[in-house]
Amino acid sequence: MLRRLLAATALGVAATAVAVLPSAPAQALYSCPANYQCIHTWYVDQAHTIWNGSYSINCEGTPLRLGTQSGFLVFSQELCNEPPPIEY
């Protein structure tokens, strides 16, 4: 009886530890400066031939996520043509 109780307790503690620990470190994204549109593109392979996913921010600041954000990261940015409108 005591063995079963100890085994159940150990299993519960192990399951909790596994649930709390992160599976992998988070990959930081590059910041997108004002008046730029930026795109983070992930590829499956190091040669960047197979697209895996992307995260982009357009000139209005709207984010868009597609696919899976993991693998080999390529970052690019481009200056927006017109400055954002001035709000009064």
N, C-alpha and C. Protein backbone atom coordinates (compact mmCIF):
# COMPACT_ATOMS: atom_id res chain seq x y z
N MET A 1 0.82 -1.19 0.00
CA MET A 1 0.00 0.00 0.00
C MET A 1 0.87 1.25 0.00
N LEU A 2 1.90 1.26 0.85
CA LEU A 2 2.79 2.41 0.94
C LEU A 2 3.57 2.58 -0.37
N ARG A 3 3.96 1.46 -0.98
CA ARG A 3 4.67 1.53 -2.27
C ARG A 3 3.81 2.18 -3.34
N ARG A 4 2.55 1.80 -3.40
CA ARG A 4 1.65 2.37 -4.40
C ARG A 4 1.47 3.87 -4.18
N LEU A 5 1.36 4.27 -2.92
CA LEU A 5 1.20 5.68 -2.60
C LEU A 5 2.44 6.47 -3.00
N LEU A 6 3.62 5.94 -2.68
CA LEU A 6 4.87 6.61 -3.06
C LEU A 6 5.04 6.66 -4.57
N ALA A 7 4.69 5.58 -5.25
CA ALA A 7 4.81 5.54 -6.71
C ALA A 7 3.86 6.55 -7.36
N ALA A 8 2.64 6.63 -6.84
CA ALA A 8 1.66 7.57 -7.38
C ALA A 8 2.11 9.01 -7.13
N THR A 9 2.67 9.28 -5.96
CA THR A 9 3.16 10.62 -5.64
C THR A 9 4.33 10.99 -6.55
N ALA A 10 5.26 10.08 -6.73
CA ALA A 10 6.41 10.34 -7.60
C ALA A 10 5.97 10.58 -9.03
N LEU A 11 5.01 9.83 -9.50
CA LEU A 11 4.49 10.00 -10.86
C LEU A 11 3.81 11.36 -11.00
N GLY A 12 3.06 11.77 -9.99
CA GLY A 12 2.39 13.07 -10.02
C GLY A 12 3.38 14.22 -10.04
N VAL A 13 4.44 14.12 -9.24
CA VAL A 13 5.48 15.17 -9.21
C VAL A 13 6.21 15.21 -10.55
N ALA A 14 6.53 14.07 -11.13
CA ALA A 14 7.23 14.03 -12.42
C ALA A 14 6.35 14.63 -13.52
N ALA A 15 5.06 14.31 -13.52
CA ALA A 15 4.16 14.85 -14.55
C ALA A 15 4.04 16.36 -14.42
N THR A 16 3.99 16.86 -13.20
CA THR A 16 3.92 18.31 -12.99
C THR A 16 5.19 18.98 -13.46
N ALA A 17 6.34 18.40 -13.18
CA ALA A 17 7.62 18.97 -13.60
C ALA A 17 7.71 19.02 -15.12
N VAL A 18 7.25 18.00 -15.80
CA VAL A 18 7.29 17.97 -17.26
C VAL A 18 6.34 19.02 -17.84
N ALA A 19 5.20 19.22 -17.22
CA ALA A 19 4.23 20.19 -17.71
C ALA A 19 4.72 21.62 -17.52
N VAL A 20 5.53 21.87 -16.51
CA VAL A 20 5.99 23.22 -16.20
C VAL A 20 7.23 23.60 -17.00
N LEU A 21 8.10 22.67 -17.31
CA LEU A 21 9.34 22.97 -18.01
C LEU A 21 9.06 23.31 -19.49
N PRO A 22 9.72 24.34 -20.02
CA PRO A 22 9.53 24.65 -21.44
C PRO A 22 10.20 23.59 -22.31
N SER A 23 9.63 23.36 -23.49
CA SER A 23 10.16 22.33 -24.37
C SER A 23 11.41 22.80 -25.11
N ALA A 24 11.48 24.08 -25.44
CA ALA A 24 12.64 24.63 -26.14
C ALA A 24 12.71 26.12 -25.85
N PRO A 25 13.90 26.71 -25.93
CA PRO A 25 14.00 28.14 -25.69
C PRO A 25 13.29 28.92 -26.79
N ALA A 26 12.69 30.03 -26.43
CA ALA A 26 12.00 30.86 -27.41
C ALA A 26 13.02 31.59 -28.27
N GLN A 27 12.69 31.74 -29.53
CA GLN A 27 13.57 32.43 -30.45
C GLN A 27 13.13 33.89 -30.52
N ALA A 28 14.03 34.81 -30.18
CA ALA A 28 13.69 36.23 -30.18
C ALA A 28 13.55 36.74 -31.61
N LEU A 29 12.59 37.64 -31.79
CA LEU A 29 12.38 38.25 -33.09
C LEU A 29 13.10 39.59 -33.15
N TYR A 30 13.54 39.98 -34.35
CA TYR A 30 14.14 41.29 -34.53
C TYR A 30 13.05 42.34 -34.43
N SER A 31 13.37 43.50 -33.90
CA SER A 31 12.38 44.57 -33.80
C SER A 31 12.24 45.26 -35.16
N CYS A 32 11.05 45.80 -35.39
CA CYS A 32 10.76 46.47 -36.65
C CYS A 32 10.71 47.98 -36.37
N PRO A 33 11.65 48.76 -36.93
CA PRO A 33 11.66 50.19 -36.67
C PRO A 33 10.46 50.90 -37.28
N ALA A 34 10.14 52.09 -36.77
CA ALA A 34 9.03 52.89 -37.30
C ALA A 34 9.27 53.21 -38.77
N ASN A 35 8.21 53.24 -39.55
CA ASN A 35 8.21 53.54 -40.98
C ASN A 35 8.93 52.47 -41.81
N TYR A 36 8.94 51.24 -41.31
CA TYR A 36 9.49 50.09 -42.04
C TYR A 36 8.47 48.97 -42.04
N GLN A 37 8.51 48.14 -43.05
CA GLN A 37 7.78 46.88 -43.02
C GLN A 37 8.82 45.78 -42.92
N CYS A 38 8.54 44.81 -42.06
CA CYS A 38 9.53 43.78 -41.74
C CYS A 38 8.93 42.40 -41.91
N ILE A 39 9.78 41.44 -42.26
CA ILE A 39 9.32 40.06 -42.37
C ILE A 39 10.40 39.13 -41.81
N HIS A 40 9.94 38.22 -40.96
CA HIS A 40 10.77 37.13 -40.45
C HIS A 40 10.31 35.89 -41.21
N THR A 41 11.21 35.22 -41.90
CA THR A 41 10.86 34.03 -42.67
C THR A 41 11.67 32.85 -42.16
N TRP A 42 10.98 31.75 -41.87
CA TRP A 42 11.65 30.53 -41.41
C TRP A 42 11.65 29.51 -42.53
N TYR A 43 12.77 28.81 -42.65
CA TYR A 43 12.93 27.75 -43.65
C TYR A 43 13.24 26.44 -42.95
N VAL A 44 12.85 25.35 -43.56
CA VAL A 44 13.10 24.02 -43.01
C VAL A 44 14.58 23.68 -43.07
N ASP A 45 15.23 24.07 -44.17
CA ASP A 45 16.62 23.69 -44.40
C ASP A 45 17.55 24.90 -44.39
N GLN A 46 18.82 24.63 -44.20
CA GLN A 46 19.83 25.69 -44.11
C GLN A 46 20.04 26.39 -45.45
N ALA A 47 19.73 25.75 -46.55
CA ALA A 47 19.88 26.35 -47.87
C ALA A 47 18.73 27.31 -48.21
N HIS A 48 17.74 27.40 -47.33
CA HIS A 48 16.58 28.30 -47.49
C HIS A 48 15.80 27.99 -48.76
N THR A 49 15.54 26.73 -49.01
CA THR A 49 14.77 26.35 -50.20
C THR A 49 13.34 25.93 -49.88
N ILE A 50 13.09 25.52 -48.64
CA ILE A 50 11.74 25.06 -48.26
C ILE A 50 11.19 25.98 -47.18
N TRP A 51 10.15 26.75 -47.53
CA TRP A 51 9.52 27.70 -46.61
C TRP A 51 8.81 26.95 -45.50
N ASN A 52 8.94 27.45 -44.27
CA ASN A 52 8.30 26.82 -43.12
C ASN A 52 7.24 27.73 -42.50
N GLY A 53 7.49 29.05 -42.48
CA GLY A 53 6.54 29.98 -41.89
C GLY A 53 7.07 31.39 -41.94
N SER A 54 6.22 32.34 -41.53
CA SER A 54 6.65 33.74 -41.53
C SER A 54 5.87 34.54 -40.50
N TYR A 55 6.46 35.65 -40.12
CA TYR A 55 5.83 36.65 -39.26
C TYR A 55 6.18 38.00 -39.85
N SER A 56 5.18 38.77 -40.23
CA SER A 56 5.44 40.05 -40.87
C SER A 56 4.67 41.16 -40.17
N ILE A 57 5.20 42.38 -40.32
CA ILE A 57 4.54 43.59 -39.83
C ILE A 57 4.54 44.56 -41.00
N ASN A 58 3.34 44.99 -41.42
CA ASN A 58 3.27 45.88 -42.57
C ASN A 58 3.47 47.33 -42.14
N CYS A 59 3.37 48.27 -43.08
CA CYS A 59 3.62 49.69 -42.80
C CYS A 59 2.64 50.29 -41.80
N GLU A 60 1.46 49.71 -41.69
CA GLU A 60 0.47 50.19 -40.72
C GLU A 60 0.69 49.59 -39.34
N GLY A 61 1.62 48.66 -39.21
CA GLY A 61 1.90 48.03 -37.93
C GLY A 61 1.08 46.79 -37.66
N THR A 62 0.40 46.26 -38.68
CA THR A 62 -0.44 45.07 -38.51
C THR A 62 0.42 43.81 -38.64
N PRO A 63 0.41 42.95 -37.61
CA PRO A 63 1.19 41.71 -37.68
C PRO A 63 0.42 40.59 -38.39
N LEU A 64 1.15 39.68 -39.01
CA LEU A 64 0.55 38.52 -39.68
C LEU A 64 1.47 37.32 -39.48
N ARG A 65 0.93 36.23 -38.94
CA ARG A 65 1.68 34.98 -38.74
C ARG A 65 1.14 33.92 -39.69
N LEU A 66 2.05 33.21 -40.35
CA LEU A 66 1.69 32.13 -41.25
C LEU A 66 2.62 30.95 -41.01
N GLY A 67 2.11 29.74 -41.12
CA GLY A 67 2.94 28.55 -41.00
C GLY A 67 3.49 28.34 -39.61
N THR A 68 4.67 27.74 -39.54
CA THR A 68 5.33 27.42 -38.28
C THR A 68 6.58 28.27 -38.13
N GLN A 69 6.67 28.95 -37.00
CA GLN A 69 7.82 29.82 -36.76
C GLN A 69 8.94 29.03 -36.08
N SER A 70 9.58 28.16 -36.85
CA SER A 70 10.74 27.41 -36.36
C SER A 70 11.60 27.00 -37.54
N GLY A 71 12.86 26.80 -37.27
CA GLY A 71 13.80 26.42 -38.31
C GLY A 71 14.86 27.50 -38.50
N PHE A 72 15.27 27.72 -39.73
CA PHE A 72 16.31 28.68 -40.06
C PHE A 72 15.67 30.03 -40.38
N LEU A 73 16.01 31.05 -39.59
CA LEU A 73 15.37 32.36 -39.68
C LEU A 73 16.13 33.30 -40.60
N VAL A 74 15.37 34.02 -41.45
CA VAL A 74 15.90 35.09 -42.29
C VAL A 74 15.04 36.32 -42.01
N PHE A 75 15.69 37.46 -41.71
CA PHE A 75 14.98 38.69 -41.41
C PHE A 75 15.25 39.71 -42.52
N SER A 76 14.20 40.41 -42.94
CA SER A 76 14.39 41.49 -43.91
C SER A 76 13.45 42.64 -43.57
N GLN A 77 13.85 43.84 -43.96
CA GLN A 77 13.02 45.01 -43.72
C GLN A 77 13.13 45.94 -44.91
N GLU A 78 12.08 46.73 -45.10
CA GLU A 78 12.03 47.64 -46.24
C GLU A 78 11.36 48.93 -45.77
N LEU A 79 11.91 50.06 -46.20
CA LEU A 79 11.36 51.36 -45.85
C LEU A 79 10.01 51.54 -46.51
N CYS A 80 9.04 52.03 -45.75
CA CYS A 80 7.71 52.31 -46.31
C CYS A 80 7.81 53.55 -47.20
N ASN A 81 7.03 53.59 -48.28
CA ASN A 81 7.11 54.69 -49.24
C ASN A 81 6.62 56.01 -48.67
N GLU A 82 5.54 55.98 -47.95
CA GLU A 82 4.96 57.22 -47.43
C GLU A 82 4.98 57.17 -45.90
N PRO A 83 5.26 58.34 -45.29
CA PRO A 83 5.21 58.36 -43.82
C PRO A 83 3.78 58.15 -43.34
N PRO A 84 3.60 57.63 -42.15
CA PRO A 84 2.24 57.42 -41.64
C PRO A 84 1.51 58.76 -41.49
N PRO A 85 0.19 58.78 -41.64
CA PRO A 85 -0.55 60.03 -41.52
C PRO A 85 -0.48 60.60 -40.10
N ILE A 86 -0.48 61.91 -40.03
CA ILE A 86 -0.45 62.59 -38.73
C ILE A 86 -1.88 62.71 -38.23
N GLU A 87 -2.10 62.26 -37.02
CA GLU A 87 -3.43 62.34 -36.42
C GLU A 87 -3.49 63.51 -35.47
N TYR A 88 -4.57 64.26 -35.53
CA TYR A 88 -4.76 65.41 -34.63
C TYR A 88 -5.81 65.13 -33.61
